[in-house]
Amino acid sequence: MFYLKLVFNEIFYRPLLGALVFLTSILPGHDLGLAVILLTVFIRVLTFPMTHNMLKTQNAMKRIEPDVKKIYAEKKTKEEQTKALMELYRVHGINPLAGFVMLIVQLPLLIALYQVFWQGIPFKAGEVYAFLDISVPVNTMFLGFISLTEASVLLAVLAAASQFLQAKLAVVSGGGAEAKKDMQRAMQFQMVYFFPILVFFIAFKLPAAVSLYWTAMNVFAIVHEAVVRRRALQNG
C-alpha cells in the first residue's frame, strides 16, 4: 500500500502540484485562481481524446434509441435482445463500454487533482519539486474577494449548478423492459438531481480552489458536449 501511494504521488500528484506552482509563479499577480483555471484547461486538453470519444459514444447511443426500443419490443428472450443490440452497436461503430473504460483511465488523474486543490494549498516545500520557487507570495483571493483556501458558498453553488447542467446534457435515455427503464430513470434522477446537491455539500466543506476547479471542468464539459451534439446533428 505504501509503494502504491508513493507511485501515485510521483506519477500524478507531484507533477500536477508542480504545474500549479509553476503557473502561479509566472502569472501576473501570482493569481492562484487563474492558475487553477489554466491547469484545468491543460488537463482538459490532455484528456481530450478520451472525453471526446466518450461524448461521441453517448450521442451515438441517443441517436439509436428508437432502434433500441424496437429491439426490446420485438425480441422476446434476453439472448435475442443481446445479440440484436450487439449487432446494432457494431453497425453504428459503438462501444457501449467506452464511457466506463474512459472513466477508469481518468480516475487516478481526477483523484490527484482533487488532492492538489484540497491538500496541496498552501504549497509545502516537502511536496514541491526543489527547482520550483514557493517563496513567491501567492494571491489566493479569486476575483478579489473569494479566498481559495477557505470554503465558499458562492463557488459551491456554481459547482453544483454547473454539475446539474453537465449532467442534464449527458443523460442518455433509453427504452426496454419496465424494470430496466425504472432502474435507468432512478440512476438518471440521482445523476441529474441528487449528485449536484452532493457536490454542493462536499464543495462547501472544502477549500474554494476545489469548487473553482469543479466549476471550470464542468463548464468545459458543457461546451464540449454542445459542440459534439451540434456536429452530430449537422452530420445527420
Protein backbone atom coordinates (compact mmCIF):
# COMPACT_ATOMS: atom_id res chain seq x y z
CA MET A 1 0.00 0.00 0.00
CA PHE A 2 2.86 2.36 0.83
CA TYR A 3 4.50 1.73 -2.54
CA LEU A 4 1.21 2.25 -4.40
CA LYS A 5 0.78 5.61 -2.68
CA LEU A 6 4.39 6.51 -3.47
CA VAL A 7 3.95 5.64 -7.15
CA PHE A 8 0.65 7.55 -7.29
CA ASN A 9 2.26 10.64 -5.75
CA GLU A 10 5.24 10.60 -8.12
CA ILE A 11 3.24 9.92 -11.31
CA PHE A 12 0.16 12.06 -10.67
CA TYR A 13 0.15 14.21 -7.53
CA ARG A 14 3.58 15.89 -7.57
CA PRO A 15 3.62 16.67 -11.33
CA LEU A 16 0.17 18.30 -11.10
CA LEU A 17 1.11 20.19 -7.95
CA GLY A 18 4.32 21.29 -9.62
CA ALA A 19 2.36 22.53 -12.64
CA LEU A 20 0.10 24.56 -10.36
CA VAL A 21 3.09 26.06 -8.53
CA PHE A 22 4.78 26.91 -11.83
CA LEU A 23 1.67 28.55 -13.29
CA THR A 24 1.11 30.57 -10.12
CA SER A 25 4.71 31.78 -10.11
CA ILE A 26 4.67 33.09 -13.72
CA LEU A 27 1.16 34.58 -13.85
CA PRO A 28 0.69 38.33 -13.29
CA GLY A 29 -0.02 38.96 -9.64
CA HIS A 30 0.69 35.27 -8.91
CA ASP A 31 -3.06 34.66 -9.14
CA LEU A 32 -3.91 31.20 -7.78
CA GLY A 33 -7.46 31.30 -9.18
CA LEU A 34 -6.24 31.91 -12.73
CA ALA A 35 -3.62 29.18 -12.25
CA VAL A 36 -6.35 26.71 -11.22
CA ILE A 37 -8.38 27.57 -14.34
CA LEU A 38 -5.35 27.25 -16.64
CA LEU A 39 -4.40 23.91 -15.08
CA THR A 40 -7.98 22.75 -15.67
CA VAL A 41 -7.66 23.78 -19.34
CA PHE A 42 -4.38 21.87 -19.60
CA ILE A 43 -5.96 18.73 -18.12
CA ARG A 44 -8.98 19.01 -20.44
CA VAL A 45 -6.63 19.28 -23.43
CA LEU A 46 -4.58 16.33 -22.17
CA THR A 47 -7.65 14.12 -21.77
CA PHE A 48 -9.47 15.47 -24.84
CA PRO A 49 -9.16 12.30 -26.98
CA MET A 50 -10.71 10.20 -24.19
CA THR A 51 -13.51 12.60 -23.31
CA HIS A 52 -14.28 13.26 -27.00
CA ASN A 53 -14.67 9.56 -27.74
CA MET A 54 -16.87 9.18 -24.66
CA LEU A 55 -19.14 12.05 -25.74
CA LYS A 56 -19.37 10.69 -29.29
CA THR A 57 -20.44 7.34 -27.85
CA GLN A 58 -23.09 8.99 -25.64
CA ASN A 59 -24.55 10.91 -28.57
CA ALA A 60 -24.49 7.85 -30.81
CA MET A 61 -26.42 5.96 -28.11
CA LYS A 62 -29.05 8.72 -28.13
CA ARG A 63 -29.38 8.56 -31.92
CA ILE A 64 -30.04 4.81 -31.97
CA GLU A 65 -32.50 4.99 -29.05
CA PRO A 66 -35.56 4.28 -31.29
CA ASP A 67 -33.82 1.15 -32.65
CA VAL A 68 -33.01 0.00 -29.11
CA LYS A 69 -36.66 0.40 -28.07
CA LYS A 70 -37.71 -1.56 -31.15
CA ILE A 71 -35.36 -4.43 -30.27
CA TYR A 72 -36.71 -4.67 -26.72
CA ALA A 73 -40.28 -4.62 -28.06
CA GLU A 74 -39.77 -7.25 -30.76
CA LYS A 75 -37.22 -9.64 -29.24
CA LYS A 76 -38.72 -11.85 -26.54
CA THR A 77 -35.69 -13.51 -24.98
CA LYS A 78 -32.64 -11.89 -23.42
CA GLU A 79 -30.35 -13.80 -25.78
CA GLU A 80 -32.15 -12.39 -28.82
CA GLN A 81 -32.09 -8.89 -27.35
CA THR A 82 -28.38 -9.07 -26.54
CA LYS A 83 -27.49 -10.43 -29.98
CA ALA A 84 -29.56 -7.76 -31.74
CA LEU A 85 -28.08 -4.98 -29.58
CA MET A 86 -24.52 -6.12 -30.25
CA GLU A 87 -25.23 -6.14 -33.97
CA LEU A 88 -26.77 -2.66 -33.75
CA TYR A 89 -23.72 -1.36 -31.89
CA ARG A 90 -21.43 -2.97 -34.47
CA VAL A 91 -23.26 -1.41 -37.41
CA HIS A 92 -23.04 2.05 -35.85
CA GLY A 93 -19.47 1.60 -34.58
CA ILE A 94 -20.43 1.97 -30.93
CA ASN A 95 -18.53 0.50 -27.99
CA PRO A 96 -21.07 0.52 -25.11
CA LEU A 97 -18.27 0.13 -22.57
CA ALA A 98 -16.27 3.10 -23.87
CA GLY A 99 -17.60 5.52 -21.27
CA PHE A 100 -16.81 3.18 -18.38
CA VAL A 101 -13.31 2.45 -19.67
CA MET A 102 -12.57 6.14 -20.18
CA LEU A 103 -13.74 6.92 -16.65
CA ILE A 104 -11.47 4.25 -15.17
CA VAL A 105 -8.50 5.58 -17.16
CA GLN A 106 -9.10 9.16 -15.99
CA LEU A 107 -9.90 8.30 -12.36
CA PRO A 108 -6.31 8.46 -10.96
CA LEU A 109 -5.85 11.85 -12.64
CA LEU A 110 -9.07 13.20 -11.16
CA ILE A 111 -8.19 11.94 -7.67
CA ALA A 112 -4.75 13.57 -7.91
CA LEU A 113 -6.29 16.88 -8.98
CA TYR A 114 -8.65 16.92 -6.02
CA GLN A 115 -5.74 16.18 -3.70
CA VAL A 116 -3.74 19.05 -5.24
CA PHE A 117 -6.52 21.57 -4.67
CA TRP A 118 -7.57 20.11 -1.32
CA GLN A 119 -4.24 19.25 0.36
CA GLY A 120 -1.57 20.93 -1.77
CA ILE A 121 -2.60 24.52 -0.97
CA PRO A 122 -0.81 26.32 0.61
CA PHE A 123 2.31 24.97 -1.09
CA LYS A 124 4.66 22.95 1.11
CA ALA A 125 8.39 22.64 0.50
CA GLY A 126 8.45 18.89 1.12
CA GLU A 127 5.84 18.17 -1.58
CA VAL A 128 7.03 20.52 -4.34
CA TYR A 129 9.98 19.89 -6.66
CA ALA A 130 13.12 21.62 -5.35
CA PHE A 131 13.66 23.64 -8.54
CA LEU A 132 10.27 25.39 -8.11
CA ASP A 133 10.09 28.61 -6.12
CA ILE A 134 7.39 28.61 -3.45
CA SER A 135 8.65 31.74 -1.74
CA VAL A 136 6.68 33.95 -4.15
CA PRO A 137 3.67 35.49 -2.34
CA VAL A 138 0.59 33.78 -3.81
CA ASN A 139 -2.62 35.71 -4.37
CA THR A 140 -5.30 33.35 -3.04
CA MET A 141 -8.16 35.86 -3.41
CA PHE A 142 -10.13 34.93 -6.52
CA LEU A 143 -11.84 37.97 -8.10
CA GLY A 144 -10.54 39.98 -5.18
CA PHE A 145 -13.00 38.69 -2.59
CA ILE A 146 -13.15 34.84 -2.61
CA SER A 147 -10.45 33.10 -0.57
CA LEU A 148 -9.44 29.90 -2.38
CA THR A 149 -8.01 28.39 0.80
CA GLU A 150 -11.38 28.53 2.59
CA ALA A 151 -14.85 27.22 1.76
CA SER A 152 -17.01 29.47 -0.43
CA VAL A 153 -20.81 29.27 -0.64
CA LEU A 154 -20.80 31.12 -3.98
CA LEU A 155 -18.33 28.77 -5.66
CA ALA A 156 -20.05 25.75 -4.09
CA VAL A 157 -23.33 26.90 -5.69
CA LEU A 158 -21.60 27.44 -9.04
CA ALA A 159 -20.01 23.98 -8.84
CA ALA A 160 -23.41 22.38 -8.11
CA ALA A 161 -25.22 24.39 -10.82
CA SER A 162 -22.61 23.56 -13.47
CA GLN A 163 -22.73 19.90 -12.42
CA PHE A 164 -26.52 19.94 -12.87
CA LEU A 165 -26.25 21.39 -16.39
CA GLN A 166 -23.50 18.98 -17.34
CA ALA A 167 -25.50 16.01 -16.05
CA LYS A 168 -28.64 17.12 -17.92
CA LEU A 169 -26.69 17.20 -21.17
CA ALA A 170 -25.00 13.85 -20.51
CA VAL A 171 -28.20 11.91 -19.74
CA VAL A 172 -28.88 9.12 -22.20
CA SER A 173 -32.48 7.96 -22.03
CA GLY A 174 -33.34 4.53 -23.25
CA GLY A 175 -36.13 2.04 -23.70
CA GLY A 176 -36.62 -1.55 -22.77
CA ALA A 177 -38.22 -3.70 -20.13
CA GLU A 178 -40.11 -1.79 -17.45
CA ALA A 179 -37.74 -2.87 -14.67
CA LYS A 180 -34.78 -1.76 -16.76
CA LYS A 181 -36.41 1.59 -17.52
CA ASP A 182 -37.31 2.12 -13.87
CA MET A 183 -33.73 1.44 -12.80
CA GLN A 184 -32.38 3.71 -15.53
CA ARG A 185 -34.75 6.51 -14.57
CA ALA A 186 -33.67 6.18 -10.93
CA MET A 187 -30.00 6.37 -11.90
CA GLN A 188 -30.61 9.37 -14.14
CA PHE A 189 -32.58 11.13 -11.41
CA GLN A 190 -29.70 10.63 -8.99
CA MET A 191 -27.15 11.86 -11.53
CA VAL A 192 -29.14 14.94 -12.55
CA TYR A 193 -30.65 15.99 -9.22
CA PHE A 194 -29.02 14.20 -6.29
CA PHE A 195 -25.39 14.39 -7.41
CA PRO A 196 -25.33 18.22 -7.81
CA ILE A 197 -26.74 18.53 -4.27
CA LEU A 198 -24.00 16.20 -3.05
CA VAL A 199 -21.44 18.28 -4.96
CA PHE A 200 -22.66 21.42 -3.18
CA PHE A 201 -22.29 19.94 0.31
CA ILE A 202 -18.87 18.46 -0.50
CA ALA A 203 -17.65 21.69 -2.11
CA PHE A 204 -18.97 23.72 0.81
CA LYS A 205 -16.70 21.75 3.17
CA LEU A 206 -13.56 22.00 1.01
CA PRO A 207 -11.28 24.91 0.04
CA ALA A 208 -12.82 27.06 -2.69
CA ALA A 209 -9.99 26.04 -5.06
CA VAL A 210 -11.72 22.64 -5.36
CA SER A 211 -15.04 24.32 -6.20
CA LEU A 212 -13.34 26.55 -8.78
CA TYR A 213 -11.71 23.55 -10.45
CA TRP A 214 -15.00 21.62 -10.39
CA THR A 215 -16.84 24.57 -11.96
CA ALA A 216 -14.22 25.16 -14.63
CA MET A 217 -14.14 21.47 -15.51
CA ASN A 218 -17.94 21.36 -15.84
CA VAL A 219 -18.04 24.50 -18.00
CA PHE A 220 -15.57 22.97 -20.45
CA ALA A 221 -17.53 19.71 -20.42
CA ILE A 222 -20.78 21.57 -21.19
CA VAL A 223 -19.20 23.45 -24.11
CA HIS A 224 -17.61 20.25 -25.42
CA GLU A 225 -20.92 18.38 -25.19
CA ALA A 226 -22.75 21.19 -27.02
CA VAL A 227 -20.20 21.19 -29.85
CA VAL A 228 -20.31 17.40 -30.25
CA ARG A 229 -24.12 17.46 -30.32
CA ARG A 230 -24.22 20.23 -32.90
CA ARG A 231 -21.79 18.42 -35.19
CA ALA A 232 -23.75 15.19 -34.79
CA LEU A 233 -26.95 16.97 -35.86
CA GLN A 234 -25.20 18.59 -38.83
CA ASN A 235 -23.87 15.21 -39.96
CA GLY A 236 -27.35 13.76 -39.69
